[in-house]
Amino acid sequence: SIGVATISSDDSVISVLERADSAL
């Protein structure tokens, strides 16, 4: 199972990882 998240210019590494983890 894979969680994918978008990255925007105002993201932190933590926020992207949290979104990918939620999707996973």
PDBML (XML) file of the C-alpha atoms, coordinates in Angstrom:
<?xml version="1.0" encoding="UTF-8" ?>
<PDBx:datablock datablockName="MODEL"
   xmlns:PDBx="http://pdbml.pdb.org/schema/pdbx-v50.xsd"
   xmlns:xsi="http://www.w3.org/2001/XMLSchema-instance"
   xsi:schemaLocation="http://pdbml.pdb.org/schema/pdbx-v50.xsd pdbx-v50.xsd">
   <PDBx:atom_siteCategory>
      <PDBx:atom_site id="1">
         <PDBx:B_iso_or_equiv>0.00</PDBx:B_iso_or_equiv>
         <PDBx:Cartn_x>0.000</PDBx:Cartn_x>
         <PDBx:Cartn_y>0.000</PDBx:Cartn_y>
         <PDBx:Cartn_z>0.000</PDBx:Cartn_z>
         <PDBx:auth_asym_id>A</PDBx:auth_asym_id>
         <PDBx:auth_atom_id>CA</PDBx:auth_atom_id>
         <PDBx:auth_comp_id>SER</PDBx:auth_comp_id>
         <PDBx:auth_seq_id>1</PDBx:auth_seq_id>
         <PDBx:group_PDB>ATOM</PDBx:group_PDB>
         <PDBx:label_alt_id xsi:nil="true" />
         <PDBx:label_asym_id>A</PDBx:label_asym_id>
         <PDBx:label_atom_id>CA</PDBx:label_atom_id>
         <PDBx:label_comp_id>SER</PDBx:label_comp_id>
         <PDBx:label_entity_id>1</PDBx:label_entity_id>
         <PDBx:label_seq_id>1</PDBx:label_seq_id>
         <PDBx:occupancy>1.00</PDBx:occupancy>
         <PDBx:pdbx_PDB_model_num>1</PDBx:pdbx_PDB_model_num>
         <PDBx:type_symbol>C</PDBx:type_symbol>
      </PDBx:atom_site>
      <PDBx:atom_site id="2">
         <PDBx:B_iso_or_equiv>0.00</PDBx:B_iso_or_equiv>
         <PDBx:Cartn_x>1.337</PDBx:Cartn_x>
         <PDBx:Cartn_y>3.439</PDBx:Cartn_y>
         <PDBx:Cartn_z>-0.913</PDBx:Cartn_z>
         <PDBx:auth_asym_id>A</PDBx:auth_asym_id>
         <PDBx:auth_atom_id>CA</PDBx:auth_atom_id>
         <PDBx:auth_comp_id>ILE</PDBx:auth_comp_id>
         <PDBx:auth_seq_id>2</PDBx:auth_seq_id>
         <PDBx:group_PDB>ATOM</PDBx:group_PDB>
         <PDBx:label_alt_id xsi:nil="true" />
         <PDBx:label_asym_id>A</PDBx:label_asym_id>
         <PDBx:label_atom_id>CA</PDBx:label_atom_id>
         <PDBx:label_comp_id>ILE</PDBx:label_comp_id>
         <PDBx:label_entity_id>1</PDBx:label_entity_id>
         <PDBx:label_seq_id>2</PDBx:label_seq_id>
         <PDBx:occupancy>1.00</PDBx:occupancy>
         <PDBx:pdbx_PDB_model_num>1</PDBx:pdbx_PDB_model_num>
         <PDBx:type_symbol>C</PDBx:type_symbol>
      </PDBx:atom_site>
      <PDBx:atom_site id="3">
         <PDBx:B_iso_or_equiv>0.00</PDBx:B_iso_or_equiv>
         <PDBx:Cartn_x>0.448</PDBx:Cartn_x>
         <PDBx:Cartn_y>6.928</PDBx:Cartn_y>
         <PDBx:Cartn_z>0.279</PDBx:Cartn_z>
         <PDBx:auth_asym_id>A</PDBx:auth_asym_id>
         <PDBx:auth_atom_id>CA</PDBx:auth_atom_id>
         <PDBx:auth_comp_id>GLY</PDBx:auth_comp_id>
         <PDBx:auth_seq_id>3</PDBx:auth_seq_id>
         <PDBx:group_PDB>ATOM</PDBx:group_PDB>
         <PDBx:label_alt_id xsi:nil="true" />
         <PDBx:label_asym_id>A</PDBx:label_asym_id>
         <PDBx:label_atom_id>CA</PDBx:label_atom_id>
         <PDBx:label_comp_id>GLY</PDBx:label_comp_id>
         <PDBx:label_entity_id>1</PDBx:label_entity_id>
         <PDBx:label_seq_id>3</PDBx:label_seq_id>
         <PDBx:occupancy>1.00</PDBx:occupancy>
         <PDBx:pdbx_PDB_model_num>1</PDBx:pdbx_PDB_model_num>
         <PDBx:type_symbol>C</PDBx:type_symbol>
      </PDBx:atom_site>
      <PDBx:atom_site id="4">
         <PDBx:B_iso_or_equiv>0.00</PDBx:B_iso_or_equiv>
         <PDBx:Cartn_x>1.229</PDBx:Cartn_x>
         <PDBx:Cartn_y>9.809</PDBx:Cartn_y>
         <PDBx:Cartn_z>-2.099</PDBx:Cartn_z>
         <PDBx:auth_asym_id>A</PDBx:auth_asym_id>
         <PDBx:auth_atom_id>CA</PDBx:auth_atom_id>
         <PDBx:auth_comp_id>VAL</PDBx:auth_comp_id>
         <PDBx:auth_seq_id>4</PDBx:auth_seq_id>
         <PDBx:group_PDB>ATOM</PDBx:group_PDB>
         <PDBx:label_alt_id xsi:nil="true" />
         <PDBx:label_asym_id>A</PDBx:label_asym_id>
         <PDBx:label_atom_id>CA</PDBx:label_atom_id>
         <PDBx:label_comp_id>VAL</PDBx:label_comp_id>
         <PDBx:label_entity_id>1</PDBx:label_entity_id>
         <PDBx:label_seq_id>4</PDBx:label_seq_id>
         <PDBx:occupancy>1.00</PDBx:occupancy>
         <PDBx:pdbx_PDB_model_num>1</PDBx:pdbx_PDB_model_num>
         <PDBx:type_symbol>C</PDBx:type_symbol>
      </PDBx:atom_site>
      <PDBx:atom_site id="5">
         <PDBx:B_iso_or_equiv>0.00</PDBx:B_iso_or_equiv>
         <PDBx:Cartn_x>1.074</PDBx:Cartn_x>
         <PDBx:Cartn_y>13.517</PDBx:Cartn_y>
         <PDBx:Cartn_z>-1.220</PDBx:Cartn_z>
         <PDBx:auth_asym_id>A</PDBx:auth_asym_id>
         <PDBx:auth_atom_id>CA</PDBx:auth_atom_id>
         <PDBx:auth_comp_id>ALA</PDBx:auth_comp_id>
         <PDBx:auth_seq_id>5</PDBx:auth_seq_id>
         <PDBx:group_PDB>ATOM</PDBx:group_PDB>
         <PDBx:label_alt_id xsi:nil="true" />
         <PDBx:label_asym_id>A</PDBx:label_asym_id>
         <PDBx:label_atom_id>CA</PDBx:label_atom_id>
         <PDBx:label_comp_id>ALA</PDBx:label_comp_id>
         <PDBx:label_entity_id>1</PDBx:label_entity_id>
         <PDBx:label_seq_id>5</PDBx:label_seq_id>
         <PDBx:occupancy>1.00</PDBx:occupancy>
         <PDBx:pdbx_PDB_model_num>1</PDBx:pdbx_PDB_model_num>
         <PDBx:type_symbol>C</PDBx:type_symbol>
      </PDBx:atom_site>
      <PDBx:atom_site id="6">
         <PDBx:B_iso_or_equiv>0.00</PDBx:B_iso_or_equiv>
         <PDBx:Cartn_x>1.475</PDBx:Cartn_x>
         <PDBx:Cartn_y>16.742</PDBx:Cartn_y>
         <PDBx:Cartn_z>-3.128</PDBx:Cartn_z>
         <PDBx:auth_asym_id>A</PDBx:auth_asym_id>
         <PDBx:auth_atom_id>CA</PDBx:auth_atom_id>
         <PDBx:auth_comp_id>THR</PDBx:auth_comp_id>
         <PDBx:auth_seq_id>6</PDBx:auth_seq_id>
         <PDBx:group_PDB>ATOM</PDBx:group_PDB>
         <PDBx:label_alt_id xsi:nil="true" />
         <PDBx:label_asym_id>A</PDBx:label_asym_id>
         <PDBx:label_atom_id>CA</PDBx:label_atom_id>
         <PDBx:label_comp_id>THR</PDBx:label_comp_id>
         <PDBx:label_entity_id>1</PDBx:label_entity_id>
         <PDBx:label_seq_id>6</PDBx:label_seq_id>
         <PDBx:occupancy>1.00</PDBx:occupancy>
         <PDBx:pdbx_PDB_model_num>1</PDBx:pdbx_PDB_model_num>
         <PDBx:type_symbol>C</PDBx:type_symbol>
      </PDBx:atom_site>
      <PDBx:atom_site id="7">
         <PDBx:B_iso_or_equiv>0.00</PDBx:B_iso_or_equiv>
         <PDBx:Cartn_x>4.162</PDBx:Cartn_x>
         <PDBx:Cartn_y>19.246</PDBx:Cartn_y>
         <PDBx:Cartn_z>-2.193</PDBx:Cartn_z>
         <PDBx:auth_asym_id>A</PDBx:auth_asym_id>
         <PDBx:auth_atom_id>CA</PDBx:auth_atom_id>
         <PDBx:auth_comp_id>ILE</PDBx:auth_comp_id>
         <PDBx:auth_seq_id>7</PDBx:auth_seq_id>
         <PDBx:group_PDB>ATOM</PDBx:group_PDB>
         <PDBx:label_alt_id xsi:nil="true" />
         <PDBx:label_asym_id>A</PDBx:label_asym_id>
         <PDBx:label_atom_id>CA</PDBx:label_atom_id>
         <PDBx:label_comp_id>ILE</PDBx:label_comp_id>
         <PDBx:label_entity_id>1</PDBx:label_entity_id>
         <PDBx:label_seq_id>7</PDBx:label_seq_id>
         <PDBx:occupancy>1.00</PDBx:occupancy>
         <PDBx:pdbx_PDB_model_num>1</PDBx:pdbx_PDB_model_num>
         <PDBx:type_symbol>C</PDBx:type_symbol>
      </PDBx:atom_site>
      <PDBx:atom_site id="8">
         <PDBx:B_iso_or_equiv>0.00</PDBx:B_iso_or_equiv>
         <PDBx:Cartn_x>3.540</PDBx:Cartn_x>
         <PDBx:Cartn_y>22.978</PDBx:Cartn_y>
         <PDBx:Cartn_z>-2.300</PDBx:Cartn_z>
         <PDBx:auth_asym_id>A</PDBx:auth_asym_id>
         <PDBx:auth_atom_id>CA</PDBx:auth_atom_id>
         <PDBx:auth_comp_id>SER</PDBx:auth_comp_id>
         <PDBx:auth_seq_id>8</PDBx:auth_seq_id>
         <PDBx:group_PDB>ATOM</PDBx:group_PDB>
         <PDBx:label_alt_id xsi:nil="true" />
         <PDBx:label_asym_id>A</PDBx:label_asym_id>
         <PDBx:label_atom_id>CA</PDBx:label_atom_id>
         <PDBx:label_comp_id>SER</PDBx:label_comp_id>
         <PDBx:label_entity_id>1</PDBx:label_entity_id>
         <PDBx:label_seq_id>8</PDBx:label_seq_id>
         <PDBx:occupancy>1.00</PDBx:occupancy>
         <PDBx:pdbx_PDB_model_num>1</PDBx:pdbx_PDB_model_num>
         <PDBx:type_symbol>C</PDBx:type_symbol>
      </PDBx:atom_site>
      <PDBx:atom_site id="9">
         <PDBx:B_iso_or_equiv>0.00</PDBx:B_iso_or_equiv>
         <PDBx:Cartn_x>5.905</PDBx:Cartn_x>
         <PDBx:Cartn_y>25.862</PDBx:Cartn_y>
         <PDBx:Cartn_z>-1.681</PDBx:Cartn_z>
         <PDBx:auth_asym_id>A</PDBx:auth_asym_id>
         <PDBx:auth_atom_id>CA</PDBx:auth_atom_id>
         <PDBx:auth_comp_id>SER</PDBx:auth_comp_id>
         <PDBx:auth_seq_id>9</PDBx:auth_seq_id>
         <PDBx:group_PDB>ATOM</PDBx:group_PDB>
         <PDBx:label_alt_id xsi:nil="true" />
         <PDBx:label_asym_id>A</PDBx:label_asym_id>
         <PDBx:label_atom_id>CA</PDBx:label_atom_id>
         <PDBx:label_comp_id>SER</PDBx:label_comp_id>
         <PDBx:label_entity_id>1</PDBx:label_entity_id>
         <PDBx:label_seq_id>9</PDBx:label_seq_id>
         <PDBx:occupancy>1.00</PDBx:occupancy>
         <PDBx:pdbx_PDB_model_num>1</PDBx:pdbx_PDB_model_num>
         <PDBx:type_symbol>C</PDBx:type_symbol>
      </PDBx:atom_site>
      <PDBx:atom_site id="10">
         <PDBx:B_iso_or_equiv>0.00</PDBx:B_iso_or_equiv>
         <PDBx:Cartn_x>4.572</PDBx:Cartn_x>
         <PDBx:Cartn_y>26.566</PDBx:Cartn_y>
         <PDBx:Cartn_z>1.820</PDBx:Cartn_z>
         <PDBx:auth_asym_id>A</PDBx:auth_asym_id>
         <PDBx:auth_atom_id>CA</PDBx:auth_atom_id>
         <PDBx:auth_comp_id>ASP</PDBx:auth_comp_id>
         <PDBx:auth_seq_id>10</PDBx:auth_seq_id>
         <PDBx:group_PDB>ATOM</PDBx:group_PDB>
         <PDBx:label_alt_id xsi:nil="true" />
         <PDBx:label_asym_id>A</PDBx:label_asym_id>
         <PDBx:label_atom_id>CA</PDBx:label_atom_id>
         <PDBx:label_comp_id>ASP</PDBx:label_comp_id>
         <PDBx:label_entity_id>1</PDBx:label_entity_id>
         <PDBx:label_seq_id>10</PDBx:label_seq_id>
         <PDBx:occupancy>1.00</PDBx:occupancy>
         <PDBx:pdbx_PDB_model_num>1</PDBx:pdbx_PDB_model_num>
         <PDBx:type_symbol>C</PDBx:type_symbol>
      </PDBx:atom_site>
      <PDBx:atom_site id="11">
         <PDBx:B_iso_or_equiv>0.00</PDBx:B_iso_or_equiv>
         <PDBx:Cartn_x>4.871</PDBx:Cartn_x>
         <PDBx:Cartn_y>22.937</PDBx:Cartn_y>
         <PDBx:Cartn_z>2.994</PDBx:Cartn_z>
         <PDBx:auth_asym_id>A</PDBx:auth_asym_id>
         <PDBx:auth_atom_id>CA</PDBx:auth_atom_id>
         <PDBx:auth_comp_id>ASP</PDBx:auth_comp_id>
         <PDBx:auth_seq_id>11</PDBx:auth_seq_id>
         <PDBx:group_PDB>ATOM</PDBx:group_PDB>
         <PDBx:label_alt_id xsi:nil="true" />
         <PDBx:label_asym_id>A</PDBx:label_asym_id>
         <PDBx:label_atom_id>CA</PDBx:label_atom_id>
         <PDBx:label_comp_id>ASP</PDBx:label_comp_id>
         <PDBx:label_entity_id>1</PDBx:label_entity_id>
         <PDBx:label_seq_id>11</PDBx:label_seq_id>
         <PDBx:occupancy>1.00</PDBx:occupancy>
         <PDBx:pdbx_PDB_model_num>1</PDBx:pdbx_PDB_model_num>
         <PDBx:type_symbol>C</PDBx:type_symbol>
      </PDBx:atom_site>
      <PDBx:atom_site id="12">
         <PDBx:B_iso_or_equiv>0.00</PDBx:B_iso_or_equiv>
         <PDBx:Cartn_x>7.302</PDBx:Cartn_x>
         <PDBx:Cartn_y>21.680</PDBx:Cartn_y>
         <PDBx:Cartn_z>5.573</PDBx:Cartn_z>
         <PDBx:auth_asym_id>A</PDBx:auth_asym_id>
         <PDBx:auth_atom_id>CA</PDBx:auth_atom_id>
         <PDBx:auth_comp_id>SER</PDBx:auth_comp_id>
         <PDBx:auth_seq_id>12</PDBx:auth_seq_id>
         <PDBx:group_PDB>ATOM</PDBx:group_PDB>
         <PDBx:label_alt_id xsi:nil="true" />
         <PDBx:label_asym_id>A</PDBx:label_asym_id>
         <PDBx:label_atom_id>CA</PDBx:label_atom_id>
         <PDBx:label_comp_id>SER</PDBx:label_comp_id>
         <PDBx:label_entity_id>1</PDBx:label_entity_id>
         <PDBx:label_seq_id>12</PDBx:label_seq_id>
         <PDBx:occupancy>1.00</PDBx:occupancy>
         <PDBx:pdbx_PDB_model_num>1</PDBx:pdbx_PDB_model_num>
         <PDBx:type_symbol>C</PDBx:type_symbol>
      </PDBx:atom_site>
      <PDBx:atom_site id="13">
         <PDBx:B_iso_or_equiv>0.00</PDBx:B_iso_or_equiv>
         <PDBx:Cartn_x>8.835</PDBx:Cartn_x>
         <PDBx:Cartn_y>18.238</PDBx:Cartn_y>
         <PDBx:Cartn_z>5.332</PDBx:Cartn_z>
         <PDBx:auth_asym_id>A</PDBx:auth_asym_id>
         <PDBx:auth_atom_id>CA</PDBx:auth_atom_id>
         <PDBx:auth_comp_id>VAL</PDBx:auth_comp_id>
         <PDBx:auth_seq_id>13</PDBx:auth_seq_id>
         <PDBx:group_PDB>ATOM</PDBx:group_PDB>
         <PDBx:label_alt_id xsi:nil="true" />
         <PDBx:label_asym_id>A</PDBx:label_asym_id>
         <PDBx:label_atom_id>CA</PDBx:label_atom_id>
         <PDBx:label_comp_id>VAL</PDBx:label_comp_id>
         <PDBx:label_entity_id>1</PDBx:label_entity_id>
         <PDBx:label_seq_id>13</PDBx:label_seq_id>
         <PDBx:occupancy>1.00</PDBx:occupancy>
         <PDBx:pdbx_PDB_model_num>1</PDBx:pdbx_PDB_model_num>
         <PDBx:type_symbol>C</PDBx:type_symbol>
      </PDBx:atom_site>
      <PDBx:atom_site id="14">
         <PDBx:B_iso_or_equiv>0.00</PDBx:B_iso_or_equiv>
         <PDBx:Cartn_x>6.716</PDBx:Cartn_x>
         <PDBx:Cartn_y>17.188</PDBx:Cartn_y>
         <PDBx:Cartn_z>8.304</PDBx:Cartn_z>
         <PDBx:auth_asym_id>A</PDBx:auth_asym_id>
         <PDBx:auth_atom_id>CA</PDBx:auth_atom_id>
         <PDBx:auth_comp_id>ILE</PDBx:auth_comp_id>
         <PDBx:auth_seq_id>14</PDBx:auth_seq_id>
         <PDBx:group_PDB>ATOM</PDBx:group_PDB>
         <PDBx:label_alt_id xsi:nil="true" />
         <PDBx:label_asym_id>A</PDBx:label_asym_id>
         <PDBx:label_atom_id>CA</PDBx:label_atom_id>
         <PDBx:label_comp_id>ILE</PDBx:label_comp_id>
         <PDBx:label_entity_id>1</PDBx:label_entity_id>
         <PDBx:label_seq_id>14</PDBx:label_seq_id>
         <PDBx:occupancy>1.00</PDBx:occupancy>
         <PDBx:pdbx_PDB_model_num>1</PDBx:pdbx_PDB_model_num>
         <PDBx:type_symbol>C</PDBx:type_symbol>
      </PDBx:atom_site>
      <PDBx:atom_site id="15">
         <PDBx:B_iso_or_equiv>0.00</PDBx:B_iso_or_equiv>
         <PDBx:Cartn_x>3.431</PDBx:Cartn_x>
         <PDBx:Cartn_y>18.348</PDBx:Cartn_y>
         <PDBx:Cartn_z>6.732</PDBx:Cartn_z>
         <PDBx:auth_asym_id>A</PDBx:auth_asym_id>
         <PDBx:auth_atom_id>CA</PDBx:auth_atom_id>
         <PDBx:auth_comp_id>SER</PDBx:auth_comp_id>
         <PDBx:auth_seq_id>15</PDBx:auth_seq_id>
         <PDBx:group_PDB>ATOM</PDBx:group_PDB>
         <PDBx:label_alt_id xsi:nil="true" />
         <PDBx:label_asym_id>A</PDBx:label_asym_id>
         <PDBx:label_atom_id>CA</PDBx:label_atom_id>
         <PDBx:label_comp_id>SER</PDBx:label_comp_id>
         <PDBx:label_entity_id>1</PDBx:label_entity_id>
         <PDBx:label_seq_id>15</PDBx:label_seq_id>
         <PDBx:occupancy>1.00</PDBx:occupancy>
         <PDBx:pdbx_PDB_model_num>1</PDBx:pdbx_PDB_model_num>
         <PDBx:type_symbol>C</PDBx:type_symbol>
      </PDBx:atom_site>
      <PDBx:atom_site id="16">
         <PDBx:B_iso_or_equiv>0.00</PDBx:B_iso_or_equiv>
         <PDBx:Cartn_x>4.126</PDBx:Cartn_x>
         <PDBx:Cartn_y>16.434</PDBx:Cartn_y>
         <PDBx:Cartn_z>3.507</PDBx:Cartn_z>
         <PDBx:auth_asym_id>A</PDBx:auth_asym_id>
         <PDBx:auth_atom_id>CA</PDBx:auth_atom_id>
         <PDBx:auth_comp_id>VAL</PDBx:auth_comp_id>
         <PDBx:auth_seq_id>16</PDBx:auth_seq_id>
         <PDBx:group_PDB>ATOM</PDBx:group_PDB>
         <PDBx:label_alt_id xsi:nil="true" />
         <PDBx:label_asym_id>A</PDBx:label_asym_id>
         <PDBx:label_atom_id>CA</PDBx:label_atom_id>
         <PDBx:label_comp_id>VAL</PDBx:label_comp_id>
         <PDBx:label_entity_id>1</PDBx:label_entity_id>
         <PDBx:label_seq_id>16</PDBx:label_seq_id>
         <PDBx:occupancy>1.00</PDBx:occupancy>
         <PDBx:pdbx_PDB_model_num>1</PDBx:pdbx_PDB_model_num>
         <PDBx:type_symbol>C</PDBx:type_symbol>
      </PDBx:atom_site>
      <PDBx:atom_site id="17">
         <PDBx:B_iso_or_equiv>0.00</PDBx:B_iso_or_equiv>
         <PDBx:Cartn_x>5.086</PDBx:Cartn_x>
         <PDBx:Cartn_y>13.285</PDBx:Cartn_y>
         <PDBx:Cartn_z>5.411</PDBx:Cartn_z>
         <PDBx:auth_asym_id>A</PDBx:auth_asym_id>
         <PDBx:auth_atom_id>CA</PDBx:auth_atom_id>
         <PDBx:auth_comp_id>LEU</PDBx:auth_comp_id>
         <PDBx:auth_seq_id>17</PDBx:auth_seq_id>
         <PDBx:group_PDB>ATOM</PDBx:group_PDB>
         <PDBx:label_alt_id xsi:nil="true" />
         <PDBx:label_asym_id>A</PDBx:label_asym_id>
         <PDBx:label_atom_id>CA</PDBx:label_atom_id>
         <PDBx:label_comp_id>LEU</PDBx:label_comp_id>
         <PDBx:label_entity_id>1</PDBx:label_entity_id>
         <PDBx:label_seq_id>17</PDBx:label_seq_id>
         <PDBx:occupancy>1.00</PDBx:occupancy>
         <PDBx:pdbx_PDB_model_num>1</PDBx:pdbx_PDB_model_num>
         <PDBx:type_symbol>C</PDBx:type_symbol>
      </PDBx:atom_site>
      <PDBx:atom_site id="18">
         <PDBx:B_iso_or_equiv>0.00</PDBx:B_iso_or_equiv>
         <PDBx:Cartn_x>1.984</PDBx:Cartn_x>
         <PDBx:Cartn_y>13.578</PDBx:Cartn_y>
         <PDBx:Cartn_z>7.586</PDBx:Cartn_z>
         <PDBx:auth_asym_id>A</PDBx:auth_asym_id>
         <PDBx:auth_atom_id>CA</PDBx:auth_atom_id>
         <PDBx:auth_comp_id>GLU</PDBx:auth_comp_id>
         <PDBx:auth_seq_id>18</PDBx:auth_seq_id>
         <PDBx:group_PDB>ATOM</PDBx:group_PDB>
         <PDBx:label_alt_id xsi:nil="true" />
         <PDBx:label_asym_id>A</PDBx:label_asym_id>
         <PDBx:label_atom_id>CA</PDBx:label_atom_id>
         <PDBx:label_comp_id>GLU</PDBx:label_comp_id>
         <PDBx:label_entity_id>1</PDBx:label_entity_id>
         <PDBx:label_seq_id>18</PDBx:label_seq_id>
         <PDBx:occupancy>1.00</PDBx:occupancy>
         <PDBx:pdbx_PDB_model_num>1</PDBx:pdbx_PDB_model_num>
         <PDBx:type_symbol>C</PDBx:type_symbol>
      </PDBx:atom_site>
      <PDBx:atom_site id="19">
         <PDBx:B_iso_or_equiv>0.00</PDBx:B_iso_or_equiv>
         <PDBx:Cartn_x>-0.264</PDBx:Cartn_x>
         <PDBx:Cartn_y>13.784</PDBx:Cartn_y>
         <PDBx:Cartn_z>4.501</PDBx:Cartn_z>
         <PDBx:auth_asym_id>A</PDBx:auth_asym_id>
         <PDBx:auth_atom_id>CA</PDBx:auth_atom_id>
         <PDBx:auth_comp_id>ARG</PDBx:auth_comp_id>
         <PDBx:auth_seq_id>19</PDBx:auth_seq_id>
         <PDBx:group_PDB>ATOM</PDBx:group_PDB>
         <PDBx:label_alt_id xsi:nil="true" />
         <PDBx:label_asym_id>A</PDBx:label_asym_id>
         <PDBx:label_atom_id>CA</PDBx:label_atom_id>
         <PDBx:label_comp_id>ARG</PDBx:label_comp_id>
         <PDBx:label_entity_id>1</PDBx:label_entity_id>
         <PDBx:label_seq_id>19</PDBx:label_seq_id>
         <PDBx:occupancy>1.00</PDBx:occupancy>
         <PDBx:pdbx_PDB_model_num>1</PDBx:pdbx_PDB_model_num>
         <PDBx:type_symbol>C</PDBx:type_symbol>
      </PDBx:atom_site>
      <PDBx:atom_site id="20">
         <PDBx:B_iso_or_equiv>0.00</PDBx:B_iso_or_equiv>
         <PDBx:Cartn_x>1.482</PDBx:Cartn_x>
         <PDBx:Cartn_y>10.838</PDBx:Cartn_y>
         <PDBx:Cartn_z>2.825</PDBx:Cartn_z>
         <PDBx:auth_asym_id>A</PDBx:auth_asym_id>
         <PDBx:auth_atom_id>CA</PDBx:auth_atom_id>
         <PDBx:auth_comp_id>ALA</PDBx:auth_comp_id>
         <PDBx:auth_seq_id>20</PDBx:auth_seq_id>
         <PDBx:group_PDB>ATOM</PDBx:group_PDB>
         <PDBx:label_alt_id xsi:nil="true" />
         <PDBx:label_asym_id>A</PDBx:label_asym_id>
         <PDBx:label_atom_id>CA</PDBx:label_atom_id>
         <PDBx:label_comp_id>ALA</PDBx:label_comp_id>
         <PDBx:label_entity_id>1</PDBx:label_entity_id>
         <PDBx:label_seq_id>20</PDBx:label_seq_id>
         <PDBx:occupancy>1.00</PDBx:occupancy>
         <PDBx:pdbx_PDB_model_num>1</PDBx:pdbx_PDB_model_num>
         <PDBx:type_symbol>C</PDBx:type_symbol>
      </PDBx:atom_site>
      <PDBx:atom_site id="21">
         <PDBx:B_iso_or_equiv>0.00</PDBx:B_iso_or_equiv>
         <PDBx:Cartn_x>1.216</PDBx:Cartn_x>
         <PDBx:Cartn_y>8.865</PDBx:Cartn_y>
         <PDBx:Cartn_z>6.070</PDBx:Cartn_z>
         <PDBx:auth_asym_id>A</PDBx:auth_asym_id>
         <PDBx:auth_atom_id>CA</PDBx:auth_atom_id>
         <PDBx:auth_comp_id>ASP</PDBx:auth_comp_id>
         <PDBx:auth_seq_id>21</PDBx:auth_seq_id>
         <PDBx:group_PDB>ATOM</PDBx:group_PDB>
         <PDBx:label_alt_id xsi:nil="true" />
         <PDBx:label_asym_id>A</PDBx:label_asym_id>
         <PDBx:label_atom_id>CA</PDBx:label_atom_id>
         <PDBx:label_comp_id>ASP</PDBx:label_comp_id>
         <PDBx:label_entity_id>1</PDBx:label_entity_id>
         <PDBx:label_seq_id>21</PDBx:label_seq_id>
         <PDBx:occupancy>1.00</PDBx:occupancy>
         <PDBx:pdbx_PDB_model_num>1</PDBx:pdbx_PDB_model_num>
         <PDBx:type_symbol>C</PDBx:type_symbol>
      </PDBx:atom_site>
      <PDBx:atom_site id="22">
         <PDBx:B_iso_or_equiv>0.00</PDBx:B_iso_or_equiv>
         <PDBx:Cartn_x>-2.514</PDBx:Cartn_x>
         <PDBx:Cartn_y>9.650</PDBx:Cartn_y>
         <PDBx:Cartn_z>6.329</PDBx:Cartn_z>
         <PDBx:auth_asym_id>A</PDBx:auth_asym_id>
         <PDBx:auth_atom_id>CA</PDBx:auth_atom_id>
         <PDBx:auth_comp_id>SER</PDBx:auth_comp_id>
         <PDBx:auth_seq_id>22</PDBx:auth_seq_id>
         <PDBx:group_PDB>ATOM</PDBx:group_PDB>
         <PDBx:label_alt_id xsi:nil="true" />
         <PDBx:label_asym_id>A</PDBx:label_asym_id>
         <PDBx:label_atom_id>CA</PDBx:label_atom_id>
         <PDBx:label_comp_id>SER</PDBx:label_comp_id>
         <PDBx:label_entity_id>1</PDBx:label_entity_id>
         <PDBx:label_seq_id>22</PDBx:label_seq_id>
         <PDBx:occupancy>1.00</PDBx:occupancy>
         <PDBx:pdbx_PDB_model_num>1</PDBx:pdbx_PDB_model_num>
         <PDBx:type_symbol>C</PDBx:type_symbol>
      </PDBx:atom_site>
      <PDBx:atom_site id="23">
         <PDBx:B_iso_or_equiv>0.00</PDBx:B_iso_or_equiv>
         <PDBx:Cartn_x>-3.016</PDBx:Cartn_x>
         <PDBx:Cartn_y>8.477</PDBx:Cartn_y>
         <PDBx:Cartn_z>2.750</PDBx:Cartn_z>
         <PDBx:auth_asym_id>A</PDBx:auth_asym_id>
         <PDBx:auth_atom_id>CA</PDBx:auth_atom_id>
         <PDBx:auth_comp_id>ALA</PDBx:auth_comp_id>
         <PDBx:auth_seq_id>23</PDBx:auth_seq_id>
         <PDBx:group_PDB>ATOM</PDBx:group_PDB>
         <PDBx:label_alt_id xsi:nil="true" />
         <PDBx:label_asym_id>A</PDBx:label_asym_id>
         <PDBx:label_atom_id>CA</PDBx:label_atom_id>
         <PDBx:label_comp_id>ALA</PDBx:label_comp_id>
         <PDBx:label_entity_id>1</PDBx:label_entity_id>
         <PDBx:label_seq_id>23</PDBx:label_seq_id>
         <PDBx:occupancy>1.00</PDBx:occupancy>
         <PDBx:pdbx_PDB_model_num>1</PDBx:pdbx_PDB_model_num>
         <PDBx:type_symbol>C</PDBx:type_symbol>
      </PDBx:atom_site>
      <PDBx:atom_site id="24">
         <PDBx:B_iso_or_equiv>0.00</PDBx:B_iso_or_equiv>
         <PDBx:Cartn_x>-1.065</PDBx:Cartn_x>
         <PDBx:Cartn_y>5.295</PDBx:Cartn_y>
         <PDBx:Cartn_z>3.506</PDBx:Cartn_z>
         <PDBx:auth_asym_id>A</PDBx:auth_asym_id>
         <PDBx:auth_atom_id>CA</PDBx:auth_atom_id>
         <PDBx:auth_comp_id>LEU</PDBx:auth_comp_id>
         <PDBx:auth_seq_id>24</PDBx:auth_seq_id>
         <PDBx:group_PDB>ATOM</PDBx:group_PDB>
         <PDBx:label_alt_id xsi:nil="true" />
         <PDBx:label_asym_id>A</PDBx:label_asym_id>
         <PDBx:label_atom_id>CA</PDBx:label_atom_id>
         <PDBx:label_comp_id>LEU</PDBx:label_comp_id>
         <PDBx:label_entity_id>1</PDBx:label_entity_id>
         <PDBx:label_seq_id>24</PDBx:label_seq_id>
         <PDBx:occupancy>1.00</PDBx:occupancy>
         <PDBx:pdbx_PDB_model_num>1</PDBx:pdbx_PDB_model_num>
         <PDBx:type_symbol>C</PDBx:type_symbol>
      </PDBx:atom_site>
   </PDBx:atom_siteCategory>
</PDBx:datablock>
